[in-house]
Amino acid sequence: MLDFDAKARTFLRTDLPLIDEDVTIRQLLAHRSGIGDYFAEASNHPITDYVLPIAVNRLLNTEDFLLVLGGFPQSHRPGEKFEYCNSWFVVLALIAERIAGAPFSDLVSERVCKPAGMSATEFLRSDALPGDAAIGYFSSNANDLQSNVFNLPLRGTGDGGIYSTAADFAAFWPALFAGQIAPEPLAEDLVRPQSSLASPPLEYGLGFWRRPADGVVMLEGYDAGVSFRSWHQRETAPDRHGTFEYFGGSIAGSEGHRRT
């Protein structure tokens, strides 16, 4: 099993030289690495304003993202503080590929989706979608609806872009905490708080949000024309155990709710 305290530089080699030599896998997972972000959400610009610096059809494989990840200096010293960073998701996907010698999409399929029974979850190409795949839309005004095909990479990687269903994600949480995806001690380590935020009151572990008031664990994300959120209540009391999911075909969205 990969040592979370290993240095990222060991696997990045000479790529992305602006990433500090002391950044660890754990710091990347915890949003405490301080690496520069290729998409800085703190800029407060509408997410639909962001345009990738290269044509989206050039971003098919994780290694292709080296073209957009470079050139961003550290924002702070490794481990100094929590700062949400989109780049680390891609950097870790790149590291995972180099360790395993397999594409990130295959790793997710073999090590997450199949053990959890998530048969309808896959990294798809946006130019070759099956008929039952949802298409994301957004609008710059009430009368201007457009798809997000030119806003997002041709195929997603570590920072998002997987296609899934509410039923599949309802299966993810029990599989994670039952040790079907990773050993149970590792699953507990992933949701153990590494940082606390005051407003709103949230904690962040290693890739997962957590509400300290009730222990709900969360995964969420949004992009131009798409949004997703899944909450899982782990308490054993019958009236407090369950999963809530939201899939939206727009940034605000209004469809795809499911509670189990």
C-alpha atoms as a PDB file:
ATOM      1  CA  MET A   1       0.000   0.000   0.000  1.00  0.00           C
ATOM      2  CA  LEU A   2       1.236   3.503  -0.834  1.00  0.00           C
ATOM      3  CA  ASP A   3       2.716   5.399   2.111  1.00  0.00           C
ATOM      4  CA  PHE A   4       0.703   8.612   2.422  1.00  0.00           C
ATOM      5  CA  ASP A   5       3.761  10.321   3.891  1.00  0.00           C
ATOM      6  CA  ALA A   6       5.826   9.620   0.763  1.00  0.00           C
ATOM      7  CA  LYS A   7       7.038  12.669  -1.149  1.00  0.00           C
ATOM      8  CA  ALA A   8       5.138  13.442  -4.337  1.00  0.00           C
ATOM      9  CA  ARG A   9       8.401  14.386  -6.039  1.00  0.00           C
ATOM     10  CA  THR A  10       9.471  10.730  -5.978  1.00  0.00           C
ATOM     11  CA  PHE A  11       6.778   9.969  -8.549  1.00  0.00           C
ATOM     12  CA  LEU A  12       6.614  13.287 -10.396  1.00  0.00           C
ATOM     13  CA  ARG A  13      10.336  13.117 -11.156  1.00  0.00           C
ATOM     14  CA  THR A  14      11.196  16.269 -13.143  1.00  0.00           C
ATOM     15  CA  ASP A  15       7.592  17.124 -14.051  1.00  0.00           C
ATOM     16  CA  LEU A  16       5.873  20.142 -12.449  1.00  0.00           C
ATOM     17  CA  PRO A  17       9.065  21.606 -10.934  1.00  0.00           C
ATOM     18  CA  LEU A  18       7.189  24.371  -9.070  1.00  0.00           C
ATOM     19  CA  ILE A  19       5.679  21.790  -6.697  1.00  0.00           C
ATOM     20  CA  ASP A  20       7.690  21.904  -3.468  1.00  0.00           C
ATOM     21  CA  GLU A  21      10.064  18.983  -2.879  1.00  0.00           C
ATOM     22  CA  ASP A  22       8.536  18.399   0.575  1.00  0.00           C
ATOM     23  CA  VAL A  23       4.907  17.982  -0.542  1.00  0.00           C
ATOM     24  CA  THR A  24       3.573  14.587   0.560  1.00  0.00           C
ATOM     25  CA  ILE A  25       0.740  12.410  -0.695  1.00  0.00           C
ATOM     26  CA  ARG A  26      -1.133  13.037   2.568  1.00  0.00           C
ATOM     27  CA  GLN A  27      -0.858  16.811   2.176  1.00  0.00           C
ATOM     28  CA  LEU A  28      -2.227  16.569  -1.359  1.00  0.00           C
ATOM     29  CA  LEU A  29      -5.169  14.459  -0.187  1.00  0.00           C
ATOM     30  CA  ALA A  30      -5.876  16.898   2.657  1.00  0.00           C
ATOM     31  CA  HIS A  31      -5.699  20.121   0.594  1.00  0.00           C
ATOM     32  CA  ARG A  32      -2.711  21.174   2.701  1.00  0.00           C
ATOM     33  CA  SER A  33       0.032  20.941   0.071  1.00  0.00           C
ATOM     34  CA  GLY A  34       0.033  24.581  -1.016  1.00  0.00           C
ATOM     35  CA  ILE A  35       0.606  23.675  -4.665  1.00  0.00           C
ATOM     36  CA  GLY A  36      -0.525  26.208  -7.249  1.00  0.00           C
ATOM     37  CA  ASP A  37      -3.997  25.675  -8.685  1.00  0.00           C
ATOM     38  CA  TYR A  38      -4.691  25.667 -12.413  1.00  0.00           C
ATOM     39  CA  PHE A  39      -8.265  26.699 -11.603  1.00  0.00           C
ATOM     40  CA  ALA A  40      -8.396  29.015  -8.602  1.00  0.00           C
ATOM     41  CA  GLU A  41     -11.951  28.977  -7.247  1.00  0.00           C
ATOM     42  CA  ALA A  42     -11.132  31.777  -4.805  1.00  0.00           C
ATOM     43  CA  SER A  43     -11.076  34.216  -7.736  1.00  0.00           C
ATOM     44  CA  ASN A  44     -14.897  34.466  -7.414  1.00  0.00           C
ATOM     45  CA  HIS A  45     -15.407  34.528 -11.178  1.00  0.00           C
ATOM     46  CA  PRO A  46     -18.380  32.524 -12.486  1.00  0.00           C
ATOM     47  CA  ILE A  47     -17.252  28.988 -13.210  1.00  0.00           C
ATOM     48  CA  THR A  48     -18.640  29.284 -16.731  1.00  0.00           C
ATOM     49  CA  ASP A  49     -16.092  32.061 -17.418  1.00  0.00           C
ATOM     50  CA  TYR A  50     -13.186  29.663 -17.042  1.00  0.00           C
ATOM     51  CA  VAL A  51     -11.680  28.501 -20.333  1.00  0.00           C
ATOM     52  CA  LEU A  52      -8.974  25.853 -20.454  1.00  0.00           C
ATOM     53  CA  PRO A  53      -5.733  27.236 -21.932  1.00  0.00           C
ATOM     54  CA  ILE A  54      -5.611  24.515 -24.603  1.00  0.00           C
ATOM     55  CA  ALA A  55      -8.268  22.880 -26.769  1.00  0.00           C
ATOM     56  CA  VAL A  56     -10.344  20.488 -24.658  1.00  0.00           C
ATOM     57  CA  ASN A  57      -9.923  17.668 -27.188  1.00  0.00           C
ATOM     58  CA  ARG A  58      -6.228  17.540 -26.240  1.00  0.00           C
ATOM     59  CA  LEU A  59      -7.118  16.503 -22.679  1.00  0.00           C
ATOM     60  CA  LEU A  60      -7.925  12.826 -23.034  1.00  0.00           C
ATOM     61  CA  ASN A  61      -5.371  11.129 -20.760  1.00  0.00           C
ATOM     62  CA  THR A  62      -4.052  12.180 -17.356  1.00  0.00           C
ATOM     63  CA  GLU A  63      -0.527  12.804 -18.678  1.00  0.00           C
ATOM     64  CA  ASP A  64      -2.054  15.323 -21.107  1.00  0.00           C
ATOM     65  CA  PHE A  65      -2.923  17.541 -18.123  1.00  0.00           C
ATOM     66  CA  LEU A  66       0.764  18.323 -17.629  1.00  0.00           C
ATOM     67  CA  LEU A  67       0.105  20.907 -20.352  1.00  0.00           C
ATOM     68  CA  VAL A  68      -2.194  22.879 -18.022  1.00  0.00           C
ATOM     69  CA  LEU A  69      -0.874  22.050 -14.523  1.00  0.00           C
ATOM     70  CA  GLY A  70       2.540  23.666 -14.863  1.00  0.00           C
ATOM     71  CA  GLY A  71       3.552  27.266 -14.218  1.00  0.00           C
ATOM     72  CA  PHE A  72       1.687  27.806 -10.927  1.00  0.00           C
ATOM     73  CA  PRO A  73       3.944  28.484  -7.914  1.00  0.00           C
ATOM     74  CA  GLN A  74       3.261  27.310  -4.372  1.00  0.00           C
ATOM     75  CA  SER A  75       0.702  29.467  -2.561  1.00  0.00           C
ATOM     76  CA  HIS A  76       2.099  28.538   0.876  1.00  0.00           C
ATOM     77  CA  ARG A  77       4.482  26.085   2.525  1.00  0.00           C
ATOM     78  CA  PRO A  78       3.444  22.414   2.552  1.00  0.00           C
ATOM     79  CA  GLY A  79       1.318  21.582   5.593  1.00  0.00           C
ATOM     80  CA  GLU A  80       0.860  25.213   6.650  1.00  0.00           C
ATOM     81  CA  LYS A  81      -2.909  25.475   6.156  1.00  0.00           C
ATOM     82  CA  PHE A  82      -5.989  24.146   4.370  1.00  0.00           C
ATOM     83  CA  GLU A  83      -6.605  25.576   0.914  1.00  0.00           C
ATOM     84  CA  TYR A  84      -8.893  23.876  -1.596  1.00  0.00           C
ATOM     85  CA  CYS A  85      -6.979  23.029  -4.758  1.00  0.00           C
ATOM     86  CA  ASN A  86      -8.251  21.415  -7.949  1.00  0.00           C
ATOM     87  CA  SER A  87      -4.758  20.606  -9.195  1.00  0.00           C
ATOM     88  CA  TRP A  88      -3.967  18.080  -6.484  1.00  0.00           C
ATOM     89  CA  PHE A  89      -6.709  15.741  -7.703  1.00  0.00           C
ATOM     90  CA  VAL A  90      -5.019  15.560 -11.102  1.00  0.00           C
ATOM     91  CA  VAL A  91      -1.513  15.330  -9.632  1.00  0.00           C
ATOM     92  CA  LEU A  92      -2.585  12.349  -7.520  1.00  0.00           C
ATOM     93  CA  ALA A  93      -4.240  10.686 -10.516  1.00  0.00           C
ATOM     94  CA  LEU A  94      -0.954  11.095 -12.367  1.00  0.00           C
ATOM     95  CA  ILE A  95       0.975   9.590  -9.449  1.00  0.00           C
ATOM     96  CA  ALA A  96      -1.474   6.677  -9.201  1.00  0.00           C
ATOM     97  CA  GLU A  97      -1.004   5.927 -12.896  1.00  0.00           C
ATOM     98  CA  ARG A  98       2.765   5.964 -12.624  1.00  0.00           C
ATOM     99  CA  ILE A  99       2.759   3.635  -9.627  1.00  0.00           C
ATOM    100  CA  ALA A 100       0.220   1.174 -11.050  1.00  0.00           C
ATOM    101  CA  GLY A 101       1.219   1.388 -14.697  1.00  0.00           C
ATOM    102  CA  ALA A 102      -2.429   1.694 -15.725  1.00  0.00           C
ATOM    103  CA  PRO A 103      -4.762   4.545 -16.775  1.00  0.00           C
ATOM    104  CA  PHE A 104      -6.569   6.296 -13.926  1.00  0.00           C
ATOM    105  CA  SER A 105      -9.946   5.443 -15.458  1.00  0.00           C
ATOM    106  CA  ASP A 106      -9.036   1.742 -15.370  1.00  0.00           C
ATOM    107  CA  LEU A 107      -7.862   2.003 -11.759  1.00  0.00           C
ATOM    108  CA  VAL A 108     -11.170   3.563 -10.694  1.00  0.00           C
ATOM    109  CA  SER A 109     -13.109   0.916 -12.595  1.00  0.00           C
ATOM    110  CA  GLU A 110     -11.173  -2.052 -11.187  1.00  0.00           C
ATOM    111  CA  ARG A 111     -10.546  -0.840  -7.636  1.00  0.00           C
ATOM    112  CA  VAL A 112     -13.666   1.190  -6.858  1.00  0.00           C
ATOM    113  CA  CYS A 113     -16.554   0.566  -9.230  1.00  0.00           C
ATOM    114  CA  LYS A 114     -16.364  -3.208  -9.599  1.00  0.00           C
ATOM    115  CA  PRO A 115     -15.909  -3.991  -5.873  1.00  0.00           C
ATOM    116  CA  ALA A 116     -18.798  -1.632  -5.036  1.00  0.00           C
ATOM    117  CA  GLY A 117     -21.092  -2.946  -7.768  1.00  0.00           C
ATOM    118  CA  MET A 118     -21.183   0.429  -9.546  1.00  0.00           C
ATOM    119  CA  SER A 119     -21.851  -0.924 -13.027  1.00  0.00           C
ATOM    120  CA  ALA A 120     -23.135   2.367 -14.475  1.00  0.00           C
ATOM    121  CA  THR A 121     -20.143   4.492 -13.442  1.00  0.00           C
ATOM    122  CA  GLU A 122     -17.382   5.275 -15.926  1.00  0.00           C
ATOM    123  CA  PHE A 123     -15.080   7.980 -17.289  1.00  0.00           C
ATOM    124  CA  LEU A 124     -16.641   8.599 -20.714  1.00  0.00           C
ATOM    125  CA  ARG A 125     -15.425  10.663 -23.642  1.00  0.00           C
ATOM    126  CA  SER A 126     -17.631  13.704 -24.137  1.00  0.00           C
ATOM    127  CA  ASP A 127     -17.496  13.207 -27.922  1.00  0.00           C
ATOM    128  CA  ALA A 128     -18.699   9.587 -27.729  1.00  0.00           C
ATOM    129  CA  LEU A 129     -21.457   9.524 -25.125  1.00  0.00           C
ATOM    130  CA  PRO A 130     -23.985   6.679 -25.045  1.00  0.00           C
ATOM    131  CA  GLY A 131     -27.638   7.552 -25.536  1.00  0.00           C
ATOM    132  CA  ASP A 132     -28.482   7.372 -21.828  1.00  0.00           C
ATOM    133  CA  ALA A 133     -25.736   9.764 -20.686  1.00  0.00           C
ATOM    134  CA  ALA A 134     -26.820  13.181 -19.424  1.00  0.00           C
ATOM    135  CA  ILE A 135     -25.464  16.313 -21.087  1.00  0.00           C
ATOM    136  CA  GLY A 136     -24.665  19.358 -18.979  1.00  0.00           C
ATOM    137  CA  TYR A 137     -25.997  22.796 -19.848  1.00  0.00           C
ATOM    138  CA  PHE A 138     -25.577  26.329 -18.578  1.00  0.00           C
ATOM    139  CA  SER A 139     -26.827  29.735 -19.620  1.00  0.00           C
ATOM    140  CA  SER A 140     -25.339  33.207 -19.647  1.00  0.00           C
ATOM    141  CA  ASN A 141     -28.866  34.619 -19.673  1.00  0.00           C
ATOM    142  CA  ALA A 142     -32.419  33.295 -19.533  1.00  0.00           C
ATOM    143  CA  ASN A 143     -32.619  32.753 -23.299  1.00  0.00           C
ATOM    144  CA  ASP A 144     -29.159  31.348 -23.971  1.00  0.00           C
ATOM    145  CA  LEU A 145     -28.817  27.651 -23.134  1.00  0.00           C
ATOM    146  CA  GLN A 146     -25.643  25.898 -24.246  1.00  0.00           C
ATOM    147  CA  SER A 147     -23.908  22.603 -23.527  1.00  0.00           C
ATOM    148  CA  ASN A 148     -20.676  22.424 -21.550  1.00  0.00           C
ATOM    149  CA  VAL A 149     -18.809  20.401 -24.190  1.00  0.00           C
ATOM    150  CA  PHE A 150     -16.263  23.182 -24.809  1.00  0.00           C
ATOM    151  CA  ASN A 151     -15.748  23.976 -21.114  1.00  0.00           C
ATOM    152  CA  LEU A 152     -14.529  20.600 -19.876  1.00  0.00           C
ATOM    153  CA  PRO A 153     -11.808  18.112 -20.851  1.00  0.00           C
ATOM    154  CA  LEU A 154     -12.573  15.460 -23.451  1.00  0.00           C
ATOM    155  CA  ARG A 155     -12.418  12.898 -20.660  1.00  0.00           C
ATOM    156  CA  GLY A 156     -12.220  13.523 -16.940  1.00  0.00           C
ATOM    157  CA  THR A 157      -9.519  12.401 -14.549  1.00  0.00           C
ATOM    158  CA  GLY A 158      -8.706  12.911 -10.866  1.00  0.00           C
ATOM    159  CA  ASP A 159     -10.509  16.241 -10.493  1.00  0.00           C
ATOM    160  CA  GLY A 160     -13.819  14.992 -11.861  1.00  0.00           C
ATOM    161  CA  GLY A 161     -15.717  14.098 -14.984  1.00  0.00           C
ATOM    162  CA  ILE A 162     -16.903  10.588 -14.167  1.00  0.00           C
ATOM    163  CA  TYR A 163     -20.448   9.620 -15.189  1.00  0.00           C
ATOM    164  CA  SER A 164     -22.560   7.864 -12.573  1.00  0.00           C
ATOM    165  CA  THR A 165     -26.091   7.334 -11.264  1.00  0.00           C
ATOM    166  CA  ALA A 166     -27.847   7.870  -7.950  1.00  0.00           C
ATOM    167  CA  ALA A 167     -28.230   4.111  -7.532  1.00  0.00           C
ATOM    168  CA  ASP A 168     -24.520   3.511  -8.075  1.00  0.00           C
ATOM    169  CA  PHE A 169     -23.510   6.126  -5.544  1.00  0.00           C
ATOM    170  CA  ALA A 170     -25.943   4.725  -3.007  1.00  0.00           C
ATOM    171  CA  ALA A 171     -23.858   1.540  -3.285  1.00  0.00           C
ATOM    172  CA  PHE A 172     -20.540   3.368  -2.935  1.00  0.00           C
ATOM    173  CA  TRP A 173     -20.804   4.379   0.721  1.00  0.00           C
ATOM    174  CA  PRO A 174     -21.661   0.964   2.233  1.00  0.00           C
ATOM    175  CA  ALA A 175     -18.935  -0.624   0.106  1.00  0.00           C
ATOM    176  CA  LEU A 176     -16.370   1.919   1.295  1.00  0.00           C
ATOM    177  CA  PHE A 177     -17.045   1.453   4.996  1.00  0.00           C
ATOM    178  CA  ALA A 178     -17.433  -2.332   4.730  1.00  0.00           C
ATOM    179  CA  GLY A 179     -13.884  -2.713   3.433  1.00  0.00           C
ATOM    180  CA  GLN A 180     -14.874  -3.709  -0.101  1.00  0.00           C
ATOM    181  CA  ILE A 181     -12.943  -0.849  -1.746  1.00  0.00           C
ATOM    182  CA  ALA A 182     -10.089  -0.443   0.727  1.00  0.00           C
ATOM    183  CA  PRO A 183      -9.245  -1.979   4.121  1.00  0.00           C
ATOM    184  CA  GLU A 184     -11.571  -0.612   6.804  1.00  0.00           C
ATOM    185  CA  PRO A 185      -8.759   1.147   8.753  1.00  0.00           C
ATOM    186  CA  LEU A 186      -7.811   3.009   5.569  1.00  0.00           C
ATOM    187  CA  ALA A 187     -11.434   4.024   4.955  1.00  0.00           C
ATOM    188  CA  GLU A 188     -11.573   5.442   8.486  1.00  0.00           C
ATOM    189  CA  ASP A 189      -8.314   7.315   7.864  1.00  0.00           C
ATOM    190  CA  LEU A 190      -9.796   8.887   4.736  1.00  0.00           C
ATOM    191  CA  VAL A 191     -12.699  10.471   6.641  1.00  0.00           C
ATOM    192  CA  ARG A 192     -10.718  11.386   9.774  1.00  0.00           C
ATOM    193  CA  PRO A 193     -10.546  15.218   9.998  1.00  0.00           C
ATOM    194  CA  GLN A 194      -7.283  16.860   8.977  1.00  0.00           C
ATOM    195  CA  SER A 195      -8.609  20.434   8.928  1.00  0.00           C
ATOM    196  CA  SER A 196     -11.548  22.371  10.379  1.00  0.00           C
ATOM    197  CA  LEU A 197     -13.411  25.254   8.757  1.00  0.00           C
ATOM    198  CA  ALA A 198     -15.389  27.754  10.809  1.00  0.00           C
ATOM    199  CA  SER A 199     -17.949  28.968   8.263  1.00  0.00           C
ATOM    200  CA  PRO A 200     -19.709  26.853   7.325  1.00  0.00           C
ATOM    201  CA  PRO A 201     -18.687  24.462  10.116  1.00  0.00           C
ATOM    202  CA  LEU A 202     -17.047  21.629   8.179  1.00  0.00           C
ATOM    203  CA  GLU A 203     -14.080  19.310   8.477  1.00  0.00           C
ATOM    204  CA  TYR A 204     -11.949  17.860   5.716  1.00  0.00           C
ATOM    205  CA  GLY A 205     -10.220  14.507   5.791  1.00  0.00           C
ATOM    206  CA  LEU A 206      -8.325  12.895   2.923  1.00  0.00           C
ATOM    207  CA  GLY A 207     -10.633  13.573   0.001  1.00  0.00           C
ATOM    208  CA  PHE A 208     -13.877  13.718   1.994  1.00  0.00           C
ATOM    209  CA  TRP A 209     -15.843  16.478   3.699  1.00  0.00           C
ATOM    210  CA  ARG A 210     -17.417  15.827   7.100  1.00  0.00           C
ATOM    211  CA  ARG A 211     -19.999  17.707   9.162  1.00  0.00           C
ATOM    212  CA  PRO A 212     -18.794  17.724  12.782  1.00  0.00           C
ATOM    213  CA  ALA A 213     -22.294  18.214  14.210  1.00  0.00           C
ATOM    214  CA  ASP A 214     -23.676  14.881  13.010  1.00  0.00           C
ATOM    215  CA  GLY A 215     -20.790  12.983  11.407  1.00  0.00           C
ATOM    216  CA  VAL A 216     -22.244  13.116   7.891  1.00  0.00           C
ATOM    217  CA  VAL A 217     -19.548  12.439   5.273  1.00  0.00           C
ATOM    218  CA  MET A 218     -19.810  14.131   1.897  1.00  0.00           C
ATOM    219  CA  LEU A 219     -18.505  14.126  -1.633  1.00  0.00           C
ATOM    220  CA  GLU A 220     -19.416  17.002  -3.886  1.00  0.00           C
ATOM    221  CA  GLY A 221     -18.348  18.878  -6.954  1.00  0.00           C
ATOM    222  CA  TYR A 222     -19.560  21.209  -9.638  1.00  0.00           C
ATOM    223  CA  ASP A 223     -18.404  22.549 -12.946  1.00  0.00           C
ATOM    224  CA  ALA A 224     -19.834  24.388 -15.907  1.00  0.00           C
ATOM    225  CA  GLY A 225     -23.174  22.721 -16.571  1.00  0.00           C
ATOM    226  CA  VAL A 226     -22.998  20.008 -13.927  1.00  0.00           C
ATOM    227  CA  SER A 227     -23.217  19.596 -10.160  1.00  0.00           C
ATOM    228  CA  PHE A 228     -23.142  16.665  -7.761  1.00  0.00           C
ATOM    229  CA  ARG A 229     -23.454  16.048  -4.044  1.00  0.00           C
ATOM    230  CA  SER A 230     -23.690  12.867  -1.987  1.00  0.00           C
ATOM    231  CA  TRP A 231     -24.151  12.850   1.797  1.00  0.00           C
ATOM    232  CA  HIS A 232     -23.947   9.712   3.893  1.00  0.00           C
ATOM    233  CA  GLN A 233     -25.061   9.481   7.519  1.00  0.00           C
ATOM    234  CA  ARG A 234     -23.096   6.748   9.287  1.00  0.00           C
ATOM    235  CA  GLU A 235     -24.964   6.651  12.622  1.00  0.00           C
ATOM    236  CA  THR A 236     -26.591   3.289  13.292  1.00  0.00           C
ATOM    237  CA  ALA A 237     -29.879   4.674  14.640  1.00  0.00           C
ATOM    238  CA  PRO A 238     -32.595   3.742  12.100  1.00  0.00           C
ATOM    239  CA  ASP A 239     -33.942   7.274  11.908  1.00  0.00           C
ATOM    240  CA  ARG A 240     -30.517   8.780  11.236  1.00  0.00           C
ATOM    241  CA  HIS A 241     -28.901   6.339   8.831  1.00  0.00           C
ATOM    242  CA  GLY A 242     -29.068   6.956   5.105  1.00  0.00           C
ATOM    243  CA  THR A 243     -27.703   8.556   1.968  1.00  0.00           C
ATOM    244  CA  PHE A 244     -28.825  11.685   0.146  1.00  0.00           C
ATOM    245  CA  GLU A 245     -27.712  12.329  -3.422  1.00  0.00           C
ATOM    246  CA  TYR A 246     -28.127  15.157  -5.862  1.00  0.00           C
ATOM    247  CA  PHE A 247     -27.217  15.131  -9.550  1.00  0.00           C
ATOM    248  CA  GLY A 248     -27.790  18.312 -11.539  1.00  0.00           C
ATOM    249  CA  GLY A 249     -27.485  18.909 -15.271  1.00  0.00           C
ATOM    250  CA  SER A 250     -26.707  22.557 -14.577  1.00  0.00           C
ATOM    251  CA  ILE A 251     -24.703  24.449 -11.982  1.00  0.00           C
ATOM    252  CA  ALA A 252     -27.704  25.172  -9.783  1.00  0.00           C
ATOM    253  CA  GLY A 253     -29.685  22.231 -11.116  1.00  0.00           C
ATOM    254  CA  SER A 254     -33.026  20.920  -9.961  1.00  0.00           C
ATOM    255  CA  GLU A 255     -33.138  17.234 -10.789  1.00  0.00           C
ATOM    256  CA  GLY A 256     -31.691  13.893  -9.785  1.00  0.00           C
ATOM    257  CA  HIS A 257     -32.506  13.860  -6.055  1.00  0.00           C
ATOM    258  CA  ARG A 258     -32.465  10.527  -4.256  1.00  0.00           C
ATOM    259  CA  ARG A 259     -32.586   9.547  -0.616  1.00  0.00           C
ATOM    260  CA  THR A 260     -32.011   5.984   0.596  1.00  0.00           C
END
